[in-house]
């Protein structure tokens, strides 16, 4: 591949990123990526707004690096291109729509269930609780979503370590951000904890105390590999619908069901 091909590759990277940037403007909260108003299939990738700057930087760096290594041996541009595609993939923000039944709690993140622990007492819950831990790999969607509808009672940030997110003590010792949601229909508060991992060093939370969230609504993300915990009351009638090793999707997978008081 000569200089002309290298220049075309750099131009391709730039134009593709322009398409990604437009998708950020149109779909940065994970809105539609289906059929547009002209009846044509819209193939733009919905990108999380938190990734715009990183994508721009990655595009420039990858374009320059590709042009440089092409002078030595053109196949060396392929790993650079693969890395650029991975950056886009990491910040993808797909639309998530599902109808839930009363009492159901959806997954707050994409990933793999690595822990289901019954706690004798959780201070935030105010009694027995069940903690479910999810590990988010570098290839998962990293947006966090509300597991239920309700009002944000509190948000608390805690400094800490950066243990591997799969470590059993990472939830207690790592840097974290805890969101407490008061549901209008479920017993007790619901707790979501964003936990930084070995690679993840940036927790983003757009929700504010007093704000209302709908079930499955996007409220933040953790950049580059992490852990998310869902802590729920362990009362009579509580059902955990997942097991360790299960793959879940935020805003789609039902992780648990709580009893709902019948209206009189």
C-alpha atoms as a PDB file:
ATOM      1  CA  UNK A   1       0.000   0.000   0.000  1.00  0.00           C
ATOM      2  CA  UNK A   2       1.571   3.295  -1.146  1.00  0.00           C
ATOM      3  CA  UNK A   3       1.274   6.817   0.152  1.00  0.00           C
ATOM      4  CA  UNK A   4      -1.975   7.313  -1.753  1.00  0.00           C
ATOM      5  CA  UNK A   5      -3.615   4.384   0.021  1.00  0.00           C
ATOM      6  CA  UNK A   6      -2.377   5.618   3.378  1.00  0.00           C
ATOM      7  CA  UNK A   7      -3.894   9.016   2.679  1.00  0.00           C
ATOM      8  CA  UNK A   8      -7.183   7.373   1.691  1.00  0.00           C
ATOM      9  CA  UNK A   9      -7.148   5.349   4.928  1.00  0.00           C
ATOM     10  CA  UNK A  10      -6.603   8.508   6.968  1.00  0.00           C
ATOM     11  CA  UNK A  11      -9.469  10.184   5.078  1.00  0.00           C
ATOM     12  CA  UNK A  12     -11.675   7.121   5.689  1.00  0.00           C
ATOM     13  CA  UNK A  13     -10.941   7.296   9.434  1.00  0.00           C
ATOM     14  CA  UNK A  14     -11.814  10.976   9.460  1.00  0.00           C
ATOM     15  CA  UNK A  15     -15.069  10.557   7.543  1.00  0.00           C
ATOM     16  CA  UNK A  16     -16.135   7.547   9.623  1.00  0.00           C
ATOM     17  CA  UNK A  17     -15.560   9.538  12.771  1.00  0.00           C
ATOM     18  CA  UNK A  18     -17.643  12.372  11.337  1.00  0.00           C
ATOM     19  CA  UNK A  19     -20.470   9.878  10.969  1.00  0.00           C
ATOM     20  CA  UNK A  20     -19.932   8.747  14.561  1.00  0.00           C
ATOM     21  CA  UNK A  21     -19.961  12.357  15.734  1.00  0.00           C
ATOM     22  CA  UNK A  22     -23.252  12.983  13.967  1.00  0.00           C
ATOM     23  CA  UNK A  23     -24.655   9.897  15.647  1.00  0.00           C
ATOM     24  CA  UNK A  24     -23.571  11.378  18.985  1.00  0.00           C
ATOM     25  CA  UNK A  25     -25.544  14.519  18.236  1.00  0.00           C
ATOM     26  CA  UNK A  26     -28.608  12.490  17.255  1.00  0.00           C
ATOM     27  CA  UNK A  27     -28.404   9.436  19.475  1.00  0.00           C
ATOM     28  CA  UNK A  28     -26.098  10.219  22.424  1.00  0.00           C
ATOM     29  CA  UNK A  29     -28.634   8.909  24.916  1.00  0.00           C
ATOM     30  CA  UNK A  30     -29.016   5.631  23.057  1.00  0.00           C
ATOM     31  CA  UNK A  31     -32.020   6.547  20.964  1.00  0.00           C
ATOM     32  CA  UNK A  32     -33.133   4.873  17.740  1.00  0.00           C
ATOM     33  CA  UNK A  33     -30.808   3.262  15.254  1.00  0.00           C
ATOM     34  CA  UNK A  34     -33.387   1.729  12.949  1.00  0.00           C
ATOM     35  CA  UNK A  35     -35.321   3.099   9.972  1.00  0.00           C
ATOM     36  CA  UNK A  36     -35.000   6.839   9.398  1.00  0.00           C
ATOM     37  CA  UNK A  37     -37.578   9.255   8.030  1.00  0.00           C
ATOM     38  CA  UNK A  38     -36.665   8.524   4.414  1.00  0.00           C
ATOM     39  CA  UNK A  39     -37.439   4.848   4.802  1.00  0.00           C
ATOM     40  CA  UNK A  40     -33.764   3.909   4.553  1.00  0.00           C
ATOM     41  CA  UNK A  41     -31.945   1.804   7.100  1.00  0.00           C
ATOM     42  CA  UNK A  42     -29.909   4.059   9.426  1.00  0.00           C
ATOM     43  CA  UNK A  43     -26.629   2.242  10.083  1.00  0.00           C
ATOM     44  CA  UNK A  44     -24.972   4.938  12.166  1.00  0.00           C
ATOM     45  CA  UNK A  45     -23.575   3.672  15.451  1.00  0.00           C
ATOM     46  CA  UNK A  46     -25.158   5.360  18.512  1.00  0.00           C
ATOM     47  CA  UNK A  47     -22.230   6.681  20.554  1.00  0.00           C
ATOM     48  CA  UNK A  48     -22.235   7.673  24.242  1.00  0.00           C
ATOM     49  CA  UNK A  49     -21.601  11.372  24.703  1.00  0.00           C
ATOM     50  CA  UNK A  50     -18.854  10.573  27.214  1.00  0.00           C
ATOM     51  CA  UNK A  51     -16.806   9.105  24.382  1.00  0.00           C
ATOM     52  CA  UNK A  52     -16.852  12.002  21.902  1.00  0.00           C
ATOM     53  CA  UNK A  53     -13.530  13.580  22.914  1.00  0.00           C
ATOM     54  CA  UNK A  54     -11.793  10.218  23.231  1.00  0.00           C
ATOM     55  CA  UNK A  55     -13.064   9.199  19.779  1.00  0.00           C
ATOM     56  CA  UNK A  56     -11.787  12.405  18.209  1.00  0.00           C
ATOM     57  CA  UNK A  57      -8.365  11.950  19.819  1.00  0.00           C
ATOM     58  CA  UNK A  58      -8.243   8.263  18.861  1.00  0.00           C
ATOM     59  CA  UNK A  59      -9.126   9.080  15.254  1.00  0.00           C
ATOM     60  CA  UNK A  60      -6.380  11.684  14.949  1.00  0.00           C
ATOM     61  CA  UNK A  61      -3.761   9.495  16.643  1.00  0.00           C
ATOM     62  CA  UNK A  62      -4.701   6.388  14.641  1.00  0.00           C
ATOM     63  CA  UNK A  63      -4.741   8.330  11.376  1.00  0.00           C
ATOM     64  CA  UNK A  64      -1.276   9.791  11.997  1.00  0.00           C
ATOM     65  CA  UNK A  65       0.111   6.450  13.223  1.00  0.00           C
ATOM     66  CA  UNK A  66      -1.308   4.620  10.194  1.00  0.00           C
ATOM     67  CA  UNK A  67       0.321   7.082   7.817  1.00  0.00           C
ATOM     68  CA  UNK A  68       3.666   6.715   9.618  1.00  0.00           C
ATOM     69  CA  UNK A  69       3.834   2.908   9.824  1.00  0.00           C
ATOM     70  CA  UNK A  70       2.574   2.583   6.260  1.00  0.00           C
ATOM     71  CA  UNK A  71       5.932   3.931   5.144  1.00  0.00           C
ATOM     72  CA  UNK A  72       7.575   0.895   6.745  1.00  0.00           C
ATOM     73  CA  UNK A  73       5.114  -1.917   6.018  1.00  0.00           C
ATOM     74  CA  UNK A  74       1.405  -1.437   5.279  1.00  0.00           C
ATOM     75  CA  UNK A  75       0.090  -4.536   7.221  1.00  0.00           C
ATOM     76  CA  UNK A  76       1.203  -2.737  10.401  1.00  0.00           C
ATOM     77  CA  UNK A  77      -1.765  -0.386   9.883  1.00  0.00           C
ATOM     78  CA  UNK A  78      -4.228  -3.221  10.540  1.00  0.00           C
ATOM     79  CA  UNK A  79      -3.724  -3.413  14.361  1.00  0.00           C
ATOM     80  CA  UNK A  80      -4.107   0.375  14.502  1.00  0.00           C
ATOM     81  CA  UNK A  81      -7.352   0.161  12.566  1.00  0.00           C
ATOM     82  CA  UNK A  82      -8.560  -2.684  14.829  1.00  0.00           C
ATOM     83  CA  UNK A  83      -7.800  -0.563  17.906  1.00  0.00           C
ATOM     84  CA  UNK A  84      -9.768   2.362  16.449  1.00  0.00           C
ATOM     85  CA  UNK A  85     -12.756   0.093  15.777  1.00  0.00           C
ATOM     86  CA  UNK A  86     -12.548  -1.187  19.368  1.00  0.00           C
ATOM     87  CA  UNK A  87     -12.660   2.382  20.749  1.00  0.00           C
ATOM     88  CA  UNK A  88     -15.837   3.034  18.746  1.00  0.00           C
ATOM     89  CA  UNK A  89     -17.286  -0.270  19.942  1.00  0.00           C
ATOM     90  CA  UNK A  90     -16.504   0.511  23.569  1.00  0.00           C
ATOM     91  CA  UNK A  91     -18.494   3.749  23.528  1.00  0.00           C
ATOM     92  CA  UNK A  92     -21.475   2.347  21.623  1.00  0.00           C
ATOM     93  CA  UNK A  93     -24.774   3.186  23.291  1.00  0.00           C
ATOM     94  CA  UNK A  94     -27.559   1.008  21.837  1.00  0.00           C
ATOM     95  CA  UNK A  95     -31.219   1.695  22.371  1.00  0.00           C
ATOM     96  CA  UNK A  96     -32.836  -0.477  25.038  1.00  0.00           C
ATOM     97  CA  UNK A  97     -36.636  -0.808  25.151  1.00  0.00           C
ATOM     98  CA  UNK A  98     -38.631  -3.426  27.035  1.00  0.00           C
ATOM     99  CA  UNK A  99     -41.904  -3.711  28.933  1.00  0.00           C
ATOM    100  CA  UNK A 100     -41.567  -5.024  32.486  1.00  0.00           C
ATOM    101  CA  UNK A 101     -44.051  -6.586  34.889  1.00  0.00           C
ATOM    102  CA  UNK A 102     -44.737  -5.255  38.371  1.00  0.00           C
ATOM    103  CA  UNK A 103     -41.965  -5.965  40.869  1.00  0.00           C
ATOM    104  CA  UNK A 104     -39.277  -6.741  38.295  1.00  0.00           C
ATOM    105  CA  UNK A 105     -35.790  -5.261  38.474  1.00  0.00           C
ATOM    106  CA  UNK A 106     -33.670  -5.005  35.335  1.00  0.00           C
ATOM    107  CA  UNK A 107     -29.903  -5.278  35.059  1.00  0.00           C
ATOM    108  CA  UNK A 108     -28.118  -1.964  35.735  1.00  0.00           C
ATOM    109  CA  UNK A 109     -25.256  -2.881  33.380  1.00  0.00           C
ATOM    110  CA  UNK A 110     -24.150  -5.267  30.662  1.00  0.00           C
ATOM    111  CA  UNK A 111     -21.798  -8.011  31.800  1.00  0.00           C
ATOM    112  CA  UNK A 112     -21.409 -11.314  33.595  1.00  0.00           C
ATOM    113  CA  UNK A 113     -22.852 -12.158  37.007  1.00  0.00           C
ATOM    114  CA  UNK A 114     -19.855 -12.909  39.241  1.00  0.00           C
ATOM    115  CA  UNK A 115     -21.464 -12.749  42.688  1.00  0.00           C
ATOM    116  CA  UNK A 116     -24.793 -13.330  44.405  1.00  0.00           C
ATOM    117  CA  UNK A 117     -24.413 -12.864  48.162  1.00  0.00           C
ATOM    118  CA  UNK A 118     -26.995 -12.778  50.929  1.00  0.00           C
ATOM    119  CA  UNK A 119     -26.144 -10.130  53.520  1.00  0.00           C
ATOM    120  CA  UNK A 120     -27.386 -10.348  57.099  1.00  0.00           C
ATOM    121  CA  UNK A 121     -27.683  -6.591  57.127  1.00  0.00           C
ATOM    122  CA  UNK A 122     -27.008  -3.775  54.697  1.00  0.00           C
ATOM    123  CA  UNK A 123     -26.910  -0.307  56.223  1.00  0.00           C
ATOM    124  CA  UNK A 124     -28.508   1.397  53.249  1.00  0.00           C
ATOM    125  CA  UNK A 125     -31.253  -1.198  52.871  1.00  0.00           C
ATOM    126  CA  UNK A 126     -31.774  -1.210  56.635  1.00  0.00           C
ATOM    127  CA  UNK A 127     -31.973  -4.984  56.977  1.00  0.00           C
ATOM    128  CA  UNK A 128     -31.198  -8.259  55.195  1.00  0.00           C
ATOM    129  CA  UNK A 129     -30.200  -7.800  51.574  1.00  0.00           C
ATOM    130  CA  UNK A 130     -29.004  -9.581  48.455  1.00  0.00           C
ATOM    131  CA  UNK A 131     -26.000  -8.221  46.575  1.00  0.00           C
ATOM    132  CA  UNK A 132     -25.499  -9.141  42.919  1.00  0.00           C
ATOM    133  CA  UNK A 133     -22.196  -8.228  41.305  1.00  0.00           C
ATOM    134  CA  UNK A 134     -21.657  -7.807  37.545  1.00  0.00           C
ATOM    135  CA  UNK A 135     -18.295  -7.736  35.836  1.00  0.00           C
ATOM    136  CA  UNK A 136     -18.054  -5.542  32.734  1.00  0.00           C
ATOM    137  CA  UNK A 137     -15.271  -6.580  30.380  1.00  0.00           C
ATOM    138  CA  UNK A 138     -13.539  -4.249  27.938  1.00  0.00           C
ATOM    139  CA  UNK A 139     -15.922  -5.512  25.240  1.00  0.00           C
ATOM    140  CA  UNK A 140     -19.228  -4.852  27.041  1.00  0.00           C
ATOM    141  CA  UNK A 141     -21.421  -1.778  26.654  1.00  0.00           C
ATOM    142  CA  UNK A 142     -20.500   0.334  29.689  1.00  0.00           C
ATOM    143  CA  UNK A 143     -23.609   2.483  30.117  1.00  0.00           C
ATOM    144  CA  UNK A 144     -25.362   2.141  33.494  1.00  0.00           C
ATOM    145  CA  UNK A 145     -29.173   2.089  33.666  1.00  0.00           C
ATOM    146  CA  UNK A 146     -31.705   2.383  36.468  1.00  0.00           C
ATOM    147  CA  UNK A 147     -32.951  -1.055  37.623  1.00  0.00           C
ATOM    148  CA  UNK A 148     -36.336   0.397  38.601  1.00  0.00           C
ATOM    149  CA  UNK A 149     -38.379   3.560  38.415  1.00  0.00           C
ATOM    150  CA  UNK A 150     -38.090   5.901  41.366  1.00  0.00           C
ATOM    151  CA  UNK A 151     -36.544   8.971  42.950  1.00  0.00           C
ATOM    152  CA  UNK A 152     -32.824   9.276  43.636  1.00  0.00           C
ATOM    153  CA  UNK A 153     -32.565   9.538  47.417  1.00  0.00           C
ATOM    154  CA  UNK A 154     -28.810   9.959  47.605  1.00  0.00           C
ATOM    155  CA  UNK A 155     -25.545   9.615  45.705  1.00  0.00           C
ATOM    156  CA  UNK A 156     -22.298   8.978  47.560  1.00  0.00           C
ATOM    157  CA  UNK A 157     -18.793   8.825  46.116  1.00  0.00           C
ATOM    158  CA  UNK A 158     -16.045   6.868  47.861  1.00  0.00           C
ATOM    159  CA  UNK A 159     -12.331   7.008  47.112  1.00  0.00           C
ATOM    160  CA  UNK A 160     -10.524   3.704  47.142  1.00  0.00           C
ATOM    161  CA  UNK A 161      -8.254   1.196  45.457  1.00  0.00           C
ATOM    162  CA  UNK A 162      -8.304  -0.115  41.887  1.00  0.00           C
ATOM    163  CA  UNK A 163      -8.384  -3.872  42.394  1.00  0.00           C
ATOM    164  CA  UNK A 164      -9.420  -6.121  39.526  1.00  0.00           C
ATOM    165  CA  UNK A 165     -13.212  -5.742  39.222  1.00  0.00           C
ATOM    166  CA  UNK A 166     -13.554  -9.542  39.508  1.00  0.00           C
ATOM    167  CA  UNK A 167     -11.913  -9.507  42.946  1.00  0.00           C
ATOM    168  CA  UNK A 168     -14.496 -10.345  45.662  1.00  0.00           C
ATOM    169  CA  UNK A 169     -13.393  -7.342  47.767  1.00  0.00           C
ATOM    170  CA  UNK A 170     -13.382  -4.831  44.912  1.00  0.00           C
ATOM    171  CA  UNK A 171     -16.911  -3.651  45.723  1.00  0.00           C
ATOM    172  CA  UNK A 172     -15.923  -2.668  49.261  1.00  0.00           C
ATOM    173  CA  UNK A 173     -12.360  -1.432  48.678  1.00  0.00           C
ATOM    174  CA  UNK A 174     -12.338   0.137  45.214  1.00  0.00           C
ATOM    175  CA  UNK A 175     -13.292   3.639  44.214  1.00  0.00           C
ATOM    176  CA  UNK A 176     -17.069   3.640  43.851  1.00  0.00           C
ATOM    177  CA  UNK A 177     -20.224   5.671  43.452  1.00  0.00           C
ATOM    178  CA  UNK A 178     -23.423   4.519  45.179  1.00  0.00           C
ATOM    179  CA  UNK A 179     -26.868   5.478  43.916  1.00  0.00           C
ATOM    180  CA  UNK A 180     -29.855   4.900  46.226  1.00  0.00           C
ATOM    181  CA  UNK A 181     -33.267   4.830  44.536  1.00  0.00           C
ATOM    182  CA  UNK A 182     -36.580   5.065  46.402  1.00  0.00           C
ATOM    183  CA  UNK A 183     -39.066   3.145  44.306  1.00  0.00           C
ATOM    184  CA  UNK A 184     -42.733   4.103  44.362  1.00  0.00           C
ATOM    185  CA  UNK A 185     -43.896   0.523  43.941  1.00  0.00           C
ATOM    186  CA  UNK A 186     -41.221  -1.657  45.579  1.00  0.00           C
ATOM    187  CA  UNK A 187     -40.452  -2.288  49.255  1.00  0.00           C
ATOM    188  CA  UNK A 188     -37.319  -0.619  50.580  1.00  0.00           C
ATOM    189  CA  UNK A 189     -34.649   1.312  48.675  1.00  0.00           C
ATOM    190  CA  UNK A 190     -32.787  -0.164  45.700  1.00  0.00           C
ATOM    191  CA  UNK A 191     -29.019   0.366  45.593  1.00  0.00           C
ATOM    192  CA  UNK A 192     -26.805   0.539  42.498  1.00  0.00           C
ATOM    193  CA  UNK A 193     -23.052   0.824  43.002  1.00  0.00           C
ATOM    194  CA  UNK A 194     -20.654   1.789  40.222  1.00  0.00           C
ATOM    195  CA  UNK A 195     -17.232   0.336  41.035  1.00  0.00           C
ATOM    196  CA  UNK A 196     -13.979   1.264  39.285  1.00  0.00           C
ATOM    197  CA  UNK A 197     -11.728  -1.641  38.315  1.00  0.00           C
ATOM    198  CA  UNK A 198      -8.084  -2.300  37.522  1.00  0.00           C
ATOM    199  CA  UNK A 199      -8.339  -0.478  34.190  1.00  0.00           C
ATOM    200  CA  UNK A 200     -11.405   1.687  34.803  1.00  0.00           C
ATOM    201  CA  UNK A 201     -10.437   4.955  36.466  1.00  0.00           C
ATOM    202  CA  UNK A 202     -13.352   7.170  35.524  1.00  0.00           C
ATOM    203  CA  UNK A 203     -16.851   6.857  36.991  1.00  0.00           C
ATOM    204  CA  UNK A 204     -19.510   9.048  35.385  1.00  0.00           C
ATOM    205  CA  UNK A 205     -22.912   9.657  37.016  1.00  0.00           C
ATOM    206  CA  UNK A 206     -25.332  12.155  35.491  1.00  0.00           C
ATOM    207  CA  UNK A 207     -28.129  11.558  38.012  1.00  0.00           C
ATOM    208  CA  UNK A 208     -28.591  14.016  40.870  1.00  0.00           C
ATOM    209  CA  UNK A 209     -30.238  13.607  44.304  1.00  0.00           C
ATOM    210  CA  UNK A 210     -33.956  14.297  43.982  1.00  0.00           C
ATOM    211  CA  UNK A 211     -34.083  13.389  40.295  1.00  0.00           C
ATOM    212  CA  UNK A 212     -36.584  10.834  39.048  1.00  0.00           C
ATOM    213  CA  UNK A 213     -35.501   7.904  36.896  1.00  0.00           C
ATOM    214  CA  UNK A 214     -37.598   5.628  34.756  1.00  0.00           C
ATOM    215  CA  UNK A 215     -36.839   1.925  34.634  1.00  0.00           C
ATOM    216  CA  UNK A 216     -33.947   1.268  32.271  1.00  0.00           C
ATOM    217  CA  UNK A 217     -33.063   4.954  31.987  1.00  0.00           C
ATOM    218  CA  UNK A 218     -29.395   5.656  31.369  1.00  0.00           C
ATOM    219  CA  UNK A 219     -27.734   7.531  34.253  1.00  0.00           C
ATOM    220  CA  UNK A 220     -23.986   7.097  33.741  1.00  0.00           C
ATOM    221  CA  UNK A 221     -21.119   4.835  32.773  1.00  0.00           C
ATOM    222  CA  UNK A 222     -17.726   3.554  33.901  1.00  0.00           C
ATOM    223  CA  UNK A 223     -14.908   3.840  31.397  1.00  0.00           C
ATOM    224  CA  UNK A 224     -12.759   0.827  30.501  1.00  0.00           C
ATOM    225  CA  UNK A 225     -13.685  -2.300  32.454  1.00  0.00           C
ATOM    226  CA  UNK A 226     -15.492  -2.230  35.779  1.00  0.00           C
ATOM    227  CA  UNK A 227     -18.003  -3.701  38.200  1.00  0.00           C
ATOM    228  CA  UNK A 228     -21.600  -2.767  38.944  1.00  0.00           C
ATOM    229  CA  UNK A 229     -23.538  -3.999  41.982  1.00  0.00           C
ATOM    230  CA  UNK A 230     -27.284  -4.268  42.505  1.00  0.00           C
ATOM    231  CA  UNK A 231     -28.354  -4.530  46.158  1.00  0.00           C
ATOM    232  CA  UNK A 232     -31.986  -5.294  46.983  1.00  0.00           C
ATOM    233  CA  UNK A 233     -34.001  -6.088  50.136  1.00  0.00           C
ATOM    234  CA  UNK A 234     -34.048  -9.771  51.088  1.00  0.00           C
ATOM    235  CA  UNK A 235     -37.637 -10.096  52.232  1.00  0.00           C
ATOM    236  CA  UNK A 236     -40.278 -12.768  51.904  1.00  0.00           C
ATOM    237  CA  UNK A 237     -41.195 -13.125  48.255  1.00  0.00           C
ATOM    238  CA  UNK A 238     -37.889 -11.819  46.863  1.00  0.00           C
ATOM    239  CA  UNK A 239     -36.794 -13.849  43.818  1.00  0.00           C
ATOM    240  CA  UNK A 240     -33.357 -13.778  42.231  1.00  0.00           C
ATOM    241  CA  UNK A 241     -33.783 -14.723  38.568  1.00  0.00           C
ATOM    242  CA  UNK A 242     -30.126 -14.960  37.549  1.00  0.00           C
ATOM    243  CA  UNK A 243     -27.187 -17.118  38.605  1.00  0.00           C
ATOM    244  CA  UNK A 244     -23.420 -16.720  38.677  1.00  0.00           C
ATOM    245  CA  UNK A 245     -22.046 -16.954  35.157  1.00  0.00           C
ATOM    246  CA  UNK A 246     -25.129 -15.536  33.429  1.00  0.00           C
ATOM    247  CA  UNK A 247     -24.698 -12.810  30.804  1.00  0.00           C
ATOM    248  CA  UNK A 248     -27.047  -9.856  31.267  1.00  0.00           C
ATOM    249  CA  UNK A 249     -27.943  -6.701  29.338  1.00  0.00           C
ATOM    250  CA  UNK A 250     -28.712  -3.382  31.010  1.00  0.00           C
ATOM    251  CA  UNK A 251     -32.331  -2.335  30.673  1.00  0.00           C
ATOM    252  CA  UNK A 252     -33.335  -5.685  29.185  1.00  0.00           C
ATOM    253  CA  UNK A 253     -32.499  -8.619  31.467  1.00  0.00           C
ATOM    254  CA  UNK A 254     -34.721  -9.150  34.515  1.00  0.00           C
ATOM    255  CA  UNK A 255     -32.403  -9.920  37.440  1.00  0.00           C
ATOM    256  CA  UNK A 256     -34.836 -10.101  40.329  1.00  0.00           C
ATOM    257  CA  UNK A 257     -38.472  -9.761  41.353  1.00  0.00           C
ATOM    258  CA  UNK A 258     -39.760  -8.147  44.549  1.00  0.00           C
ATOM    259  CA  UNK A 259     -43.233  -8.478  46.033  1.00  0.00           C
ATOM    260  CA  UNK A 260     -45.538  -5.582  45.287  1.00  0.00           C
ATOM    261  CA  UNK A 261     -48.289  -4.633  47.684  1.00  0.00           C
ATOM    262  CA  UNK A 262     -51.694  -4.860  46.016  1.00  0.00           C
ATOM    263  CA  UNK A 263     -53.525  -1.572  45.754  1.00  0.00           C
ATOM    264  CA  UNK A 264     -56.749  -1.388  47.708  1.00  0.00           C
END
